[in-house]
Structures are given as C-alpha cells and as structure tokens.
C-alpha cells in the first residue's frame, strides 16, 4: 500500500457468477473493454471487506494505461496477463 496506495481493484465474478473454463477469457474481455472505454467495472454485491484495498464500488471513468488480469483456477491453475493501451 505504501508503494501503490491508489491502485483500483475490481472483480466481475459477482456480476457473471463462476463461469468455470470461460472465466479467464471473460476476465481478458472485461479488461480489454475497460481499457478501451476507460471505465472500471464495479465489484457487484460487495458490501464490506476485511482488507484495506481501493475496491471499485460503482462503474466509474478512470484514466487507464495498464491492467493486470488475474485468473485463479481449481487445482492451482493460475495465470496473470498484463495489458496496456497502445
């Protein structure tokens, strides 16, 4: 938090539910759409959190240059994609 205190954090799983094998592709699609439209999707259904994060509570315009898309699967199948607006 001392290095990156204002980094917004979002999740679309509350809006889409668990899409199993399609979740990684949907995460990339949402990330690319956010970069193109310069709007961060909200964490649907979020009420409270025990972590001190800058969670996106409502869709809002934000100047985006880079996005990290994390995908965590069953059995330890994990991936991270870094995307940039070119």
Protein backbone atom coordinates (compact mmCIF):
# COMPACT_ATOMS: atom_id res chain seq x y z
CA UNK A 1 0.00 0.00 0.00
CA UNK A 2 2.87 2.37 0.57
CA UNK A 3 4.13 1.79 -2.99
CA UNK A 4 0.77 1.78 -4.79
CA UNK A 5 -1.85 3.31 -2.49
CA UNK A 6 -4.42 4.33 -5.12
CA UNK A 7 -4.49 1.28 -7.41
CA UNK A 8 -8.15 0.38 -8.06
CA UNK A 9 -9.12 -3.28 -7.64
CA UNK A 10 -12.15 -4.79 -9.36
CA UNK A 11 -13.77 -8.18 -9.86
CA UNK A 12 -16.51 -9.18 -12.29
CA UNK A 13 -17.31 -12.56 -10.72
CA UNK A 14 -20.17 -11.03 -8.72
CA UNK A 15 -21.81 -9.97 -11.99
CA UNK A 16 -21.13 -13.12 -14.02
CA UNK A 17 -21.03 -15.88 -11.44
CA UNK A 18 -18.46 -18.65 -11.78
CA UNK A 19 -18.01 -19.40 -15.47
CA UNK A 20 -15.54 -22.27 -14.90
CA UNK A 21 -13.40 -22.72 -18.05
CA UNK A 22 -14.55 -19.44 -19.58
CA UNK A 23 -13.57 -17.27 -16.62
CA UNK A 24 -10.07 -16.47 -17.91
CA UNK A 25 -11.35 -15.42 -21.33
CA UNK A 26 -14.12 -13.33 -19.75
CA UNK A 27 -11.58 -11.65 -17.48
CA UNK A 28 -9.49 -10.69 -20.51
CA UNK A 29 -12.60 -9.44 -22.35
CA UNK A 30 -13.66 -7.27 -19.38
CA UNK A 31 -10.09 -5.96 -19.03
CA UNK A 32 -9.82 -5.03 -22.71
CA UNK A 33 -13.24 -3.36 -22.58
CA UNK A 34 -12.17 -1.36 -19.52
CA UNK A 35 -9.02 -0.20 -21.34
CA UNK A 36 -10.99 0.76 -24.44
CA UNK A 37 -13.85 2.54 -22.65
CA UNK A 38 -11.71 3.89 -19.77
CA UNK A 39 -14.34 2.67 -17.28
CA UNK A 40 -13.69 0.26 -14.40
CA UNK A 41 -16.38 -2.35 -13.71
CA UNK A 42 -17.70 -2.48 -10.14
CA UNK A 43 -17.43 -5.35 -7.69
CA UNK A 44 -21.13 -6.30 -7.84
CA UNK A 45 -22.55 -7.43 -4.50
CA UNK A 46 -19.61 -6.07 -2.47
CA UNK A 47 -20.71 -4.84 0.93
CA UNK A 48 -17.71 -4.97 3.23
CA UNK A 49 -14.17 -6.23 3.08
CA UNK A 50 -11.60 -7.04 5.71
CA UNK A 51 -8.78 -5.71 3.54
CA UNK A 52 -7.77 -2.10 3.05
CA UNK A 53 -7.99 -2.05 -0.77
CA UNK A 54 -9.24 0.57 -3.22
CA UNK A 55 -12.15 -1.62 -4.36
CA UNK A 56 -14.32 -0.31 -7.21
CA UNK A 57 -17.83 0.00 -5.77
CA UNK A 58 -19.51 1.61 -8.81
CA UNK A 59 -18.65 1.81 -12.51
CA UNK A 60 -16.59 4.94 -12.93
CA UNK A 61 -14.40 6.51 -15.58
CA UNK A 62 -10.71 6.25 -14.78
CA UNK A 63 -7.62 7.06 -16.87
CA UNK A 64 -6.29 3.57 -17.60
CA UNK A 65 -2.96 2.80 -19.27
CA UNK A 66 -2.28 -0.68 -17.87
CA UNK A 67 -4.37 -3.51 -16.46
CA UNK A 68 -3.43 -6.76 -14.72
CA UNK A 69 -5.92 -9.60 -15.15
CA UNK A 70 -5.58 -12.38 -12.58
CA UNK A 71 -7.15 -15.80 -13.08
CA UNK A 72 -7.10 -18.40 -10.31
CA UNK A 73 -8.44 -21.86 -11.09
CA UNK A 74 -9.13 -25.11 -9.33
CA UNK A 75 -6.10 -27.26 -8.61
CA UNK A 76 -3.64 -24.36 -8.62
CA UNK A 77 -4.09 -23.34 -12.25
CA UNK A 78 -3.20 -19.64 -12.10
CA UNK A 79 -2.37 -17.00 -14.69
CA UNK A 80 -1.78 -13.26 -14.89
CA UNK A 81 -1.95 -11.15 -18.05
CA UNK A 82 -0.57 -7.60 -18.26
CA UNK A 83 -2.30 -5.43 -20.86
CA UNK A 84 -1.57 -1.87 -21.97
CA UNK A 85 -3.42 0.69 -24.02
CA UNK A 86 -1.30 1.32 -27.09
